[in-house]
Amino acid sequence: MDTHTEFGQAVSHIGKDSMVRVWGGFDSMRASLLSECLEDLVATGQRRITLDVSELQFADYTAVAILVGALTRIRHRGAEAAVSPQSCGAYRVLERIDPTMARGITID
């Protein structure tokens, strides 16, 4: 597997809901950047965050651990955090670690 696959992230907002779409390869360095992005959203008042992982090509174990930690910290700060769509492999891996990630929001 090519660990140098381009990584990207984009954020969409509707009110206090945010959708963060990620794509490409996901390693620990990229996970730290995403973690900062997610925590910044909460710091600026976003209260419902859905992470769209449908276009992730791979994620290493350290990246998954960093992401789960970030989602847990978001919840401890009073925001909702979820991963979608349920049909993708990345979702299924994260759900096994934390079954509460099953909620998603829709942003048109």
N, C-alpha and C. Protein backbone atom coordinates (compact mmCIF):
# COMPACT_ATOMS: atom_id res chain seq x y z
N MET A 1 0.84 -1.18 0.00
CA MET A 1 0.00 0.00 0.00
C MET A 1 0.88 1.24 0.00
N ASP A 2 0.52 2.23 -0.78
CA ASP A 2 1.28 3.47 -0.88
C ASP A 2 0.92 4.40 0.26
N THR A 3 1.84 4.61 1.21
CA THR A 3 1.56 5.47 2.36
C THR A 3 1.73 6.94 2.04
N HIS A 4 2.08 7.27 0.79
CA HIS A 4 2.24 8.67 0.40
C HIS A 4 1.06 9.17 -0.41
N THR A 5 -0.07 8.45 -0.37
CA THR A 5 -1.26 8.88 -1.06
C THR A 5 -1.70 10.23 -0.51
N GLU A 6 -2.07 11.12 -1.42
CA GLU A 6 -2.48 12.46 -1.01
C GLU A 6 -3.63 12.40 -0.01
N PHE A 7 -3.52 13.21 1.02
CA PHE A 7 -4.57 13.33 2.04
C PHE A 7 -5.20 14.71 1.90
N GLY A 8 -6.49 14.77 2.13
CA GLY A 8 -7.16 16.06 2.14
C GLY A 8 -8.33 16.05 3.09
N GLN A 9 -8.74 17.25 3.46
CA GLN A 9 -9.92 17.39 4.30
C GLN A 9 -10.63 18.68 3.93
N ALA A 10 -11.95 18.66 4.03
CA ALA A 10 -12.77 19.82 3.73
C ALA A 10 -13.90 19.89 4.75
N VAL A 11 -14.24 21.09 5.17
CA VAL A 11 -15.26 21.29 6.19
C VAL A 11 -16.42 22.07 5.59
N SER A 12 -17.65 21.58 5.85
CA SER A 12 -18.88 22.28 5.46
C SER A 12 -19.66 22.56 6.74
N HIS A 13 -20.31 23.72 6.81
CA HIS A 13 -21.08 24.11 8.00
C HIS A 13 -22.51 24.44 7.64
N ILE A 14 -23.42 24.06 8.51
CA ILE A 14 -24.78 24.56 8.50
C ILE A 14 -25.15 24.80 9.96
N GLY A 15 -25.23 26.07 10.32
CA GLY A 15 -25.51 26.40 11.70
C GLY A 15 -24.42 25.86 12.61
N LYS A 16 -24.83 25.10 13.60
CA LYS A 16 -23.87 24.51 14.54
C LYS A 16 -23.51 23.08 14.17
N ASP A 17 -23.87 22.66 12.95
CA ASP A 17 -23.52 21.33 12.45
C ASP A 17 -22.36 21.47 11.47
N SER A 18 -21.44 20.52 11.53
CA SER A 18 -20.31 20.51 10.60
C SER A 18 -20.14 19.12 10.01
N MET A 19 -19.77 19.08 8.74
CA MET A 19 -19.39 17.84 8.08
C MET A 19 -17.93 18.01 7.68
N VAL A 20 -17.10 17.09 8.14
CA VAL A 20 -15.68 17.10 7.79
C VAL A 20 -15.43 15.88 6.90
N ARG A 21 -15.10 16.15 5.64
CA ARG A 21 -14.84 15.08 4.68
C ARG A 21 -13.34 14.89 4.57
N VAL A 22 -12.90 13.64 4.67
CA VAL A 22 -11.47 13.33 4.53
C VAL A 22 -11.29 12.31 3.42
N TRP A 23 -10.13 12.37 2.75
CA TRP A 23 -9.86 11.44 1.65
C TRP A 23 -8.36 11.15 1.57
N GLY A 24 -8.05 10.06 0.90
CA GLY A 24 -6.66 9.69 0.67
C GLY A 24 -6.09 8.82 1.78
N GLY A 25 -4.79 8.94 1.98
CA GLY A 25 -4.08 8.16 2.99
C GLY A 25 -4.05 8.87 4.32
N PHE A 26 -4.20 8.12 5.39
CA PHE A 26 -4.37 8.68 6.73
C PHE A 26 -3.35 8.05 7.67
N ASP A 27 -2.27 8.79 7.95
CA ASP A 27 -1.26 8.31 8.89
C ASP A 27 -1.27 9.18 10.13
N SER A 28 -0.34 8.94 11.06
CA SER A 28 -0.36 9.65 12.34
C SER A 28 -0.17 11.16 12.19
N MET A 29 0.67 11.60 11.27
CA MET A 29 0.86 13.04 11.08
C MET A 29 -0.43 13.69 10.59
N ARG A 30 -1.07 13.05 9.63
CA ARG A 30 -2.32 13.58 9.09
C ARG A 30 -3.43 13.50 10.12
N ALA A 31 -3.42 12.46 10.93
CA ALA A 31 -4.43 12.33 11.99
C ALA A 31 -4.29 13.44 13.02
N SER A 32 -3.08 13.84 13.31
CA SER A 32 -2.87 14.95 14.25
C SER A 32 -3.44 16.25 13.69
N LEU A 33 -3.26 16.47 12.39
CA LEU A 33 -3.82 17.67 11.75
C LEU A 33 -5.35 17.63 11.78
N LEU A 34 -5.93 16.47 11.50
CA LEU A 34 -7.38 16.33 11.54
C LEU A 34 -7.90 16.52 12.96
N SER A 35 -7.19 15.97 13.93
CA SER A 35 -7.57 16.13 15.33
C SER A 35 -7.64 17.61 15.71
N GLU A 36 -6.64 18.37 15.30
CA GLU A 36 -6.63 19.82 15.57
C GLU A 36 -7.83 20.49 14.91
N CYS A 37 -8.12 20.12 13.68
CA CYS A 37 -9.26 20.69 12.96
C CYS A 37 -10.56 20.41 13.70
N LEU A 38 -10.76 19.18 14.13
CA LEU A 38 -11.98 18.81 14.84
C LEU A 38 -12.11 19.57 16.15
N GLU A 39 -11.02 19.67 16.89
CA GLU A 39 -11.06 20.37 18.16
C GLU A 39 -11.27 21.87 17.97
N ASP A 40 -10.73 22.43 16.89
CA ASP A 40 -10.97 23.85 16.57
C ASP A 40 -12.44 24.10 16.27
N LEU A 41 -13.10 23.15 15.61
CA LEU A 41 -14.53 23.30 15.33
C LEU A 41 -15.32 23.43 16.62
N VAL A 42 -15.01 22.59 17.59
CA VAL A 42 -15.71 22.65 18.88
C VAL A 42 -15.40 23.97 19.58
N ALA A 43 -14.15 24.41 19.52
CA ALA A 43 -13.76 25.66 20.17
C ALA A 43 -14.48 26.86 19.58
N THR A 44 -14.90 26.77 18.31
CA THR A 44 -15.60 27.89 17.66
C THR A 44 -17.12 27.74 17.71
N GLY A 45 -17.61 26.77 18.49
CA GLY A 45 -19.05 26.66 18.72
C GLY A 45 -19.78 25.59 17.95
N GLN A 46 -19.11 24.81 17.14
CA GLN A 46 -19.79 23.73 16.43
C GLN A 46 -20.15 22.64 17.44
N ARG A 47 -21.39 22.19 17.43
CA ARG A 47 -21.86 21.23 18.43
C ARG A 47 -22.21 19.87 17.87
N ARG A 48 -22.29 19.73 16.56
CA ARG A 48 -22.55 18.43 15.92
C ARG A 48 -21.56 18.29 14.78
N ILE A 49 -20.70 17.32 14.89
CA ILE A 49 -19.66 17.11 13.89
C ILE A 49 -19.77 15.69 13.35
N THR A 50 -19.86 15.58 12.04
CA THR A 50 -19.85 14.27 11.39
C THR A 50 -18.60 14.19 10.54
N LEU A 51 -17.88 13.12 10.68
CA LEU A 51 -16.66 12.87 9.92
C LEU A 51 -16.99 11.89 8.81
N ASP A 52 -16.89 12.34 7.57
CA ASP A 52 -17.17 11.50 6.40
C ASP A 52 -15.87 10.83 5.97
N VAL A 53 -15.79 9.53 6.18
CA VAL A 53 -14.58 8.76 5.87
C VAL A 53 -14.74 7.89 4.63
N SER A 54 -15.76 8.18 3.82
CA SER A 54 -16.06 7.33 2.67
C SER A 54 -14.96 7.29 1.63
N GLU A 55 -14.09 8.31 1.59
CA GLU A 55 -13.04 8.36 0.58
C GLU A 55 -11.64 8.10 1.15
N LEU A 56 -11.56 7.62 2.39
CA LEU A 56 -10.25 7.25 2.92
C LEU A 56 -9.77 5.99 2.22
N GLN A 57 -8.52 6.00 1.78
CA GLN A 57 -7.97 4.84 1.09
C GLN A 57 -7.29 3.89 2.07
N PHE A 58 -6.71 4.43 3.12
CA PHE A 58 -6.14 3.60 4.18
C PHE A 58 -5.91 4.46 5.40
N ALA A 59 -5.77 3.79 6.55
CA ALA A 59 -5.45 4.47 7.81
C ALA A 59 -4.59 3.52 8.62
N ASP A 60 -3.49 4.03 9.17
CA ASP A 60 -2.68 3.16 10.02
C ASP A 60 -3.24 3.16 11.44
N TYR A 61 -2.77 2.20 12.25
CA TYR A 61 -3.32 2.03 13.60
C TYR A 61 -3.12 3.25 14.48
N THR A 62 -1.99 3.92 14.35
CA THR A 62 -1.74 5.11 15.16
C THR A 62 -2.71 6.21 14.78
N ALA A 63 -2.99 6.37 13.50
CA ALA A 63 -3.95 7.38 13.05
C ALA A 63 -5.33 7.10 13.62
N VAL A 64 -5.75 5.85 13.63
CA VAL A 64 -7.05 5.48 14.19
C VAL A 64 -7.09 5.82 15.67
N ALA A 65 -6.03 5.52 16.41
CA ALA A 65 -5.99 5.82 17.84
C ALA A 65 -6.08 7.33 18.09
N ILE A 66 -5.37 8.12 17.29
CA ILE A 66 -5.42 9.59 17.43
C ILE A 66 -6.83 10.09 17.14
N LEU A 67 -7.46 9.57 16.11
CA LEU A 67 -8.81 9.99 15.75
C LEU A 67 -9.81 9.63 16.85
N VAL A 68 -9.75 8.43 17.37
CA VAL A 68 -10.66 8.03 18.44
C VAL A 68 -10.47 8.93 19.66
N GLY A 69 -9.23 9.26 19.98
CA GLY A 69 -8.96 10.17 21.09
C GLY A 69 -9.57 11.55 20.86
N ALA A 70 -9.45 12.06 19.63
CA ALA A 70 -10.02 13.37 19.30
C ALA A 70 -11.54 13.35 19.41
N LEU A 71 -12.17 12.30 18.91
CA LEU A 71 -13.63 12.21 18.98
C LEU A 71 -14.10 12.10 20.42
N THR A 72 -13.35 11.40 21.25
CA THR A 72 -13.68 11.29 22.67
C THR A 72 -13.56 12.64 23.36
N ARG A 73 -12.51 13.39 23.08
CA ARG A 73 -12.33 14.73 23.69
C ARG A 73 -13.44 15.67 23.25
N ILE A 74 -13.86 15.57 21.99
CA ILE A 74 -14.95 16.40 21.50
C ILE A 74 -16.22 16.14 22.31
N ARG A 75 -16.52 14.88 22.53
CA ARG A 75 -17.72 14.52 23.30
C ARG A 75 -17.62 15.01 24.75
N HIS A 76 -16.43 14.92 25.33
CA HIS A 76 -16.25 15.39 26.71
C HIS A 76 -16.44 16.91 26.81
N ARG A 77 -16.29 17.61 25.71
CA ARG A 77 -16.48 19.06 25.69
C ARG A 77 -17.93 19.43 25.37
N GLY A 78 -18.81 18.44 25.29
CA GLY A 78 -20.23 18.70 25.12
C GLY A 78 -20.74 18.71 23.69
N ALA A 79 -19.92 18.34 22.74
CA ALA A 79 -20.36 18.29 21.34
C ALA A 79 -20.64 16.83 20.95
N GLU A 80 -21.41 16.66 19.90
CA GLU A 80 -21.67 15.33 19.35
C GLU A 80 -20.68 15.08 18.22
N ALA A 81 -20.18 13.87 18.14
CA ALA A 81 -19.25 13.50 17.07
C ALA A 81 -19.64 12.14 16.54
N ALA A 82 -19.65 12.02 15.22
CA ALA A 82 -20.03 10.76 14.59
C ALA A 82 -19.19 10.54 13.34
N VAL A 83 -19.17 9.30 12.88
CA VAL A 83 -18.44 8.92 11.67
C VAL A 83 -19.45 8.30 10.71
N SER A 84 -19.32 8.63 9.42
CA SER A 84 -20.21 8.06 8.41
C SER A 84 -19.44 7.93 7.10
N PRO A 85 -19.95 7.23 6.12
CA PRO A 85 -21.16 6.43 6.10
C PRO A 85 -20.91 5.05 6.70
N GLN A 86 -21.98 4.44 7.10
CA GLN A 86 -21.88 3.13 7.75
C GLN A 86 -21.44 2.04 6.79
N SER A 87 -21.51 2.29 5.51
CA SER A 87 -21.19 1.25 4.53
C SER A 87 -19.70 1.12 4.24
N CYS A 88 -18.86 2.03 4.72
CA CYS A 88 -17.44 1.97 4.35
C CYS A 88 -16.62 1.24 5.42
N GLY A 89 -15.49 0.72 5.00
CA GLY A 89 -14.62 -0.05 5.89
C GLY A 89 -14.08 0.76 7.05
N ALA A 90 -13.72 2.03 6.81
CA ALA A 90 -13.18 2.87 7.89
C ALA A 90 -14.21 3.05 8.99
N TYR A 91 -15.47 3.22 8.63
CA TYR A 91 -16.53 3.34 9.62
C TYR A 91 -16.60 2.07 10.48
N ARG A 92 -16.57 0.92 9.82
CA ARG A 92 -16.71 -0.34 10.55
C ARG A 92 -15.57 -0.55 11.54
N VAL A 93 -14.36 -0.13 11.17
CA VAL A 93 -13.23 -0.24 12.09
C VAL A 93 -13.46 0.67 13.29
N LEU A 94 -13.83 1.91 13.05
CA LEU A 94 -14.05 2.87 14.14
C LEU A 94 -15.23 2.47 15.01
N GLU A 95 -16.27 1.92 14.42
CA GLU A 95 -17.44 1.52 15.20
C GLU A 95 -17.09 0.38 16.16
N ARG A 96 -16.21 -0.50 15.76
CA ARG A 96 -15.81 -1.58 16.66
C ARG A 96 -15.09 -1.03 17.89
N ILE A 97 -14.38 0.06 17.71
CA ILE A 97 -13.69 0.69 18.82
C ILE A 97 -14.67 1.50 19.67
N ASP A 98 -15.61 2.21 19.01
CA ASP A 98 -16.54 3.08 19.71
C ASP A 98 -17.91 3.04 19.02
N PRO A 99 -18.84 2.20 19.52
CA PRO A 99 -20.15 2.04 18.87
C PRO A 99 -20.99 3.32 18.86
N THR A 100 -20.67 4.34 19.63
CA THR A 100 -21.47 5.57 19.66
C THR A 100 -21.24 6.45 18.44
N MET A 101 -20.37 6.05 17.53
CA MET A 101 -20.09 6.86 16.34
C MET A 101 -21.13 6.69 15.26
N ALA A 102 -22.21 6.01 15.50
CA ALA A 102 -23.17 5.66 14.46
C ALA A 102 -24.09 6.79 14.03
N ARG A 103 -24.10 7.90 14.68
CA ARG A 103 -24.98 9.01 14.29
C ARG A 103 -24.32 9.84 13.20
N GLY A 104 -25.11 10.35 12.30
CA GLY A 104 -24.59 11.22 11.26
C GLY A 104 -25.54 12.38 11.02
N ILE A 105 -25.07 13.43 10.40
CA ILE A 105 -25.91 14.56 10.03
C ILE A 105 -25.87 14.69 8.52
N THR A 106 -26.85 15.35 7.99
CA THR A 106 -26.92 15.56 6.55
C THR A 106 -26.73 17.03 6.26
N ILE A 107 -25.80 17.34 5.39
CA ILE A 107 -25.58 18.72 4.95
C ILE A 107 -25.78 18.75 3.46
N ASP A 108 -26.76 19.53 3.01
CA ASP A 108 -27.04 19.63 1.57
C ASP A 108 -26.23 20.71 0.92
